Amino acid sequence: MILSFENKSKKDLNKNVEISFDIKSNIIPNFKDIKFIYDEICKHLKKKEIKFIQRFNASKDGDSAKKFHEKCDNIGPNISIVKTKDNLIFGGFTVNNWSPQDMVKKDDLAFLFNYQTKKFIT
């Protein structure tokens, strides 16, 4: 599952927007289950509020790389959340865009997280 933000450009990262969690997912059923990630992103972006928008859900959209890139490239800051067949849930946050090219991009705000332990790796 890929979530992005209502305000897409990096220059808009300092603007506050309303909290919203209208996301249909079998990984994360409601906002309280993702609040620890939300709080960490707000801290990293120095914002009080952000609005999540669901961009991709493999259960609904299919799991092909082509479909992923159609829906996720160039959407700006995003959270990726993955659930394995063994029911492990983890993910990451970046302000950088996804792109189809093999590129390494520096991102001082990026972090990974373990959903079960609520731990972050920066």
C-alpha atoms as a PDB file:
ATOM      1  CA  MET A   1       0.000   0.000   0.000  1.00  0.00           C
ATOM      2  CA  ILE A   2       1.323   3.438  -0.909  1.00  0.00           C
ATOM      3  CA  LEU A   3       0.030   6.547   0.827  1.00  0.00           C
ATOM      4  CA  SER A   4       0.949  10.038  -0.249  1.00  0.00           C
ATOM      5  CA  PHE A   5       0.036  13.491   0.956  1.00  0.00           C
ATOM      6  CA  GLU A   6      -2.508  15.999  -0.254  1.00  0.00           C
ATOM      7  CA  ASN A   7       0.183  18.602  -0.870  1.00  0.00           C
ATOM      8  CA  LYS A   8       2.622  17.033  -3.316  1.00  0.00           C
ATOM      9  CA  SER A   9       5.503  19.457  -3.788  1.00  0.00           C
ATOM     10  CA  LYS A  10       8.446  19.696  -1.423  1.00  0.00           C
ATOM     11  CA  LYS A  11       7.869  23.446  -1.068  1.00  0.00           C
ATOM     12  CA  ASP A  12       4.384  22.675   0.335  1.00  0.00           C
ATOM     13  CA  LEU A  13       5.735  20.430   3.097  1.00  0.00           C
ATOM     14  CA  ASN A  14       5.578  23.278   5.606  1.00  0.00           C
ATOM     15  CA  LYS A  15       1.864  23.906   5.011  1.00  0.00           C
ATOM     16  CA  ASN A  16      -0.569  22.289   7.431  1.00  0.00           C
ATOM     17  CA  VAL A  17      -3.542  20.397   6.047  1.00  0.00           C
ATOM     18  CA  GLU A  18      -6.380  18.576   7.725  1.00  0.00           C
ATOM     19  CA  ILE A  19      -6.070  15.068   9.135  1.00  0.00           C
ATOM     20  CA  SER A  20      -7.874  12.494   7.041  1.00  0.00           C
ATOM     21  CA  PHE A  21      -7.815   8.717   6.916  1.00  0.00           C
ATOM     22  CA  ASP A  22     -10.291   7.559   4.299  1.00  0.00           C
ATOM     23  CA  ILE A  23      -8.216   4.526   3.356  1.00  0.00           C
ATOM     24  CA  LYS A  24      -9.521   1.055   2.624  1.00  0.00           C
ATOM     25  CA  SER A  25      -6.915  -1.533   3.540  1.00  0.00           C
ATOM     26  CA  ASN A  26      -6.664  -5.016   4.945  1.00  0.00           C
ATOM     27  CA  ILE A  27      -3.216  -4.083   6.291  1.00  0.00           C
ATOM     28  CA  ILE A  28      -4.104  -0.982   8.305  1.00  0.00           C
ATOM     29  CA  PRO A  29      -7.788  -0.968   9.284  1.00  0.00           C
ATOM     30  CA  ASN A  30      -7.997   2.467  10.924  1.00  0.00           C
ATOM     31  CA  PHE A  31      -6.127   5.632  11.809  1.00  0.00           C
ATOM     32  CA  LYS A  32      -5.286   4.673  15.402  1.00  0.00           C
ATOM     33  CA  ASP A  33      -3.272   1.735  14.016  1.00  0.00           C
ATOM     34  CA  ILE A  34      -1.062   4.075  11.999  1.00  0.00           C
ATOM     35  CA  LYS A  35      -0.932   7.033  14.392  1.00  0.00           C
ATOM     36  CA  PHE A  36       2.626   6.246  15.522  1.00  0.00           C
ATOM     37  CA  ILE A  37       3.762   6.570  11.879  1.00  0.00           C
ATOM     38  CA  TYR A  38       1.717   9.728  11.404  1.00  0.00           C
ATOM     39  CA  ASP A  39       3.314  11.292  14.506  1.00  0.00           C
ATOM     40  CA  GLU A  40       6.818  10.411  13.290  1.00  0.00           C
ATOM     41  CA  ILE A  41       6.160  11.933   9.858  1.00  0.00           C
ATOM     42  CA  CYS A  42       4.786  15.119  11.433  1.00  0.00           C
ATOM     43  CA  LYS A  43       7.923  15.313  13.571  1.00  0.00           C
ATOM     44  CA  HIS A  44      10.233  14.785  10.571  1.00  0.00           C
ATOM     45  CA  LEU A  45       8.375  17.326   8.426  1.00  0.00           C
ATOM     46  CA  LYS A  46       7.903  19.787  11.315  1.00  0.00           C
ATOM     47  CA  LYS A  47       4.165  19.817  10.685  1.00  0.00           C
ATOM     48  CA  LYS A  48       1.186  19.540  12.983  1.00  0.00           C
ATOM     49  CA  GLU A  49      -1.170  17.838  10.544  1.00  0.00           C
ATOM     50  CA  ILE A  50      -1.008  15.935   7.277  1.00  0.00           C
ATOM     51  CA  LYS A  51      -3.606  14.258   5.101  1.00  0.00           C
ATOM     52  CA  PHE A  52      -2.992  10.767   3.723  1.00  0.00           C
ATOM     53  CA  ILE A  53      -4.285   9.749   0.301  1.00  0.00           C
ATOM     54  CA  GLN A  54      -4.126   6.110  -0.743  1.00  0.00           C
ATOM     55  CA  ARG A  55      -2.444   5.792  -4.140  1.00  0.00           C
ATOM     56  CA  PHE A  56      -1.897   2.058  -4.521  1.00  0.00           C
ATOM     57  CA  ASN A  57      -3.214  -1.117  -2.951  1.00  0.00           C
ATOM     58  CA  ALA A  58      -1.903  -4.393  -4.423  1.00  0.00           C
ATOM     59  CA  SER A  59      -5.044  -6.272  -3.289  1.00  0.00           C
ATOM     60  CA  LYS A  60      -7.192  -3.913  -5.339  1.00  0.00           C
ATOM     61  CA  ASP A  61      -4.828  -2.624  -8.056  1.00  0.00           C
ATOM     62  CA  GLY A  62      -2.842  -5.798  -8.756  1.00  0.00           C
ATOM     63  CA  ASP A  63       0.762  -6.451  -7.881  1.00  0.00           C
ATOM     64  CA  SER A  64       2.541  -5.806 -11.178  1.00  0.00           C
ATOM     65  CA  ALA A  65       5.465  -3.383 -11.328  1.00  0.00           C
ATOM     66  CA  LYS A  66       3.806  -1.654 -14.283  1.00  0.00           C
ATOM     67  CA  LYS A  67       0.608  -0.924 -12.319  1.00  0.00           C
ATOM     68  CA  PHE A  68       2.636   0.167  -9.277  1.00  0.00           C
ATOM     69  CA  HIS A  69       4.610   2.717 -11.325  1.00  0.00           C
ATOM     70  CA  GLU A  70       1.474   3.940 -13.139  1.00  0.00           C
ATOM     71  CA  LYS A  71      -0.107   4.832  -9.803  1.00  0.00           C
ATOM     72  CA  CYS A  72       2.926   5.766  -7.700  1.00  0.00           C
ATOM     73  CA  ASP A  73       5.530   7.545  -9.817  1.00  0.00           C
ATOM     74  CA  ASN A  74       5.990  11.266  -9.222  1.00  0.00           C
ATOM     75  CA  ILE A  75       3.475  11.574  -6.369  1.00  0.00           C
ATOM     76  CA  GLY A  76       5.846  13.266  -3.927  1.00  0.00           C
ATOM     77  CA  PRO A  77       6.230  12.359  -0.256  1.00  0.00           C
ATOM     78  CA  ASN A  78       4.885   8.901   0.464  1.00  0.00           C
ATOM     79  CA  ILE A  79       4.640   6.010   2.886  1.00  0.00           C
ATOM     80  CA  SER A  80       5.015   2.441   1.654  1.00  0.00           C
ATOM     81  CA  ILE A  81       3.450  -0.261   3.825  1.00  0.00           C
ATOM     82  CA  VAL A  82       4.039  -3.938   3.093  1.00  0.00           C
ATOM     83  CA  LYS A  83       2.479  -7.054   4.572  1.00  0.00           C
ATOM     84  CA  THR A  84       4.327 -10.319   3.909  1.00  0.00           C
ATOM     85  CA  LYS A  85       2.767 -13.761   3.527  1.00  0.00           C
ATOM     86  CA  ASP A  86       4.007 -14.416   7.084  1.00  0.00           C
ATOM     87  CA  ASN A  87       1.952 -11.416   8.315  1.00  0.00           C
ATOM     88  CA  LEU A  88       4.956  -9.197   9.042  1.00  0.00           C
ATOM     89  CA  ILE A  89       4.164  -5.531   8.424  1.00  0.00           C
ATOM     90  CA  PHE A  90       6.837  -2.939   7.746  1.00  0.00           C
ATOM     91  CA  GLY A  91       7.355   0.098   5.610  1.00  0.00           C
ATOM     92  CA  GLY A  92       9.135   3.323   4.937  1.00  0.00           C
ATOM     93  CA  PHE A  93       8.695   7.031   4.391  1.00  0.00           C
ATOM     94  CA  THR A  94      10.428   9.311   1.889  1.00  0.00           C
ATOM     95  CA  VAL A  95       9.881  12.791   0.547  1.00  0.00           C
ATOM     96  CA  ASN A  96      11.299  11.656  -2.803  1.00  0.00           C
ATOM     97  CA  ASN A  97       9.206  10.515  -5.754  1.00  0.00           C
ATOM     98  CA  TRP A  98       9.098   6.938  -6.964  1.00  0.00           C
ATOM     99  CA  SER A  99      10.395   6.634 -10.518  1.00  0.00           C
ATOM    100  CA  PRO A 100      10.793   3.757 -12.965  1.00  0.00           C
ATOM    101  CA  GLN A 101      14.533   4.393 -13.329  1.00  0.00           C
ATOM    102  CA  ASP A 102      17.071   2.745 -11.057  1.00  0.00           C
ATOM    103  CA  MET A 103      18.099   5.831  -9.145  1.00  0.00           C
ATOM    104  CA  VAL A 104      19.495   6.421  -5.694  1.00  0.00           C
ATOM    105  CA  LYS A 105      18.283   9.663  -4.146  1.00  0.00           C
ATOM    106  CA  LYS A 106      19.441  11.231  -0.921  1.00  0.00           C
ATOM    107  CA  ASP A 107      16.689  11.875   1.633  1.00  0.00           C
ATOM    108  CA  ASP A 108      17.627  13.094   5.109  1.00  0.00           C
ATOM    109  CA  LEU A 109      13.990  12.735   6.238  1.00  0.00           C
ATOM    110  CA  ALA A 110      13.519   9.098   5.164  1.00  0.00           C
ATOM    111  CA  PHE A 111      12.940   6.332   7.688  1.00  0.00           C
ATOM    112  CA  LEU A 112      11.864   2.686   7.885  1.00  0.00           C
ATOM    113  CA  PHE A 113       9.487   1.254  10.460  1.00  0.00           C
ATOM    114  CA  ASN A 114       8.382  -2.059  11.917  1.00  0.00           C
ATOM    115  CA  TYR A 115       4.612  -1.989  12.405  1.00  0.00           C
ATOM    116  CA  GLN A 116       4.473  -4.716  15.068  1.00  0.00           C
ATOM    117  CA  THR A 117       7.211  -3.296  17.317  1.00  0.00           C
ATOM    118  CA  LYS A 118       6.484   0.387  16.498  1.00  0.00           C
ATOM    119  CA  LYS A 119      10.233   0.949  16.037  1.00  0.00           C
ATOM    120  CA  PHE A 120      11.891   3.292  13.522  1.00  0.00           C
ATOM    121  CA  ILE A 121      15.189   3.070  11.665  1.00  0.00           C
ATOM    122  CA  THR A 122      16.571   6.337  10.314  1.00  0.00           C
END
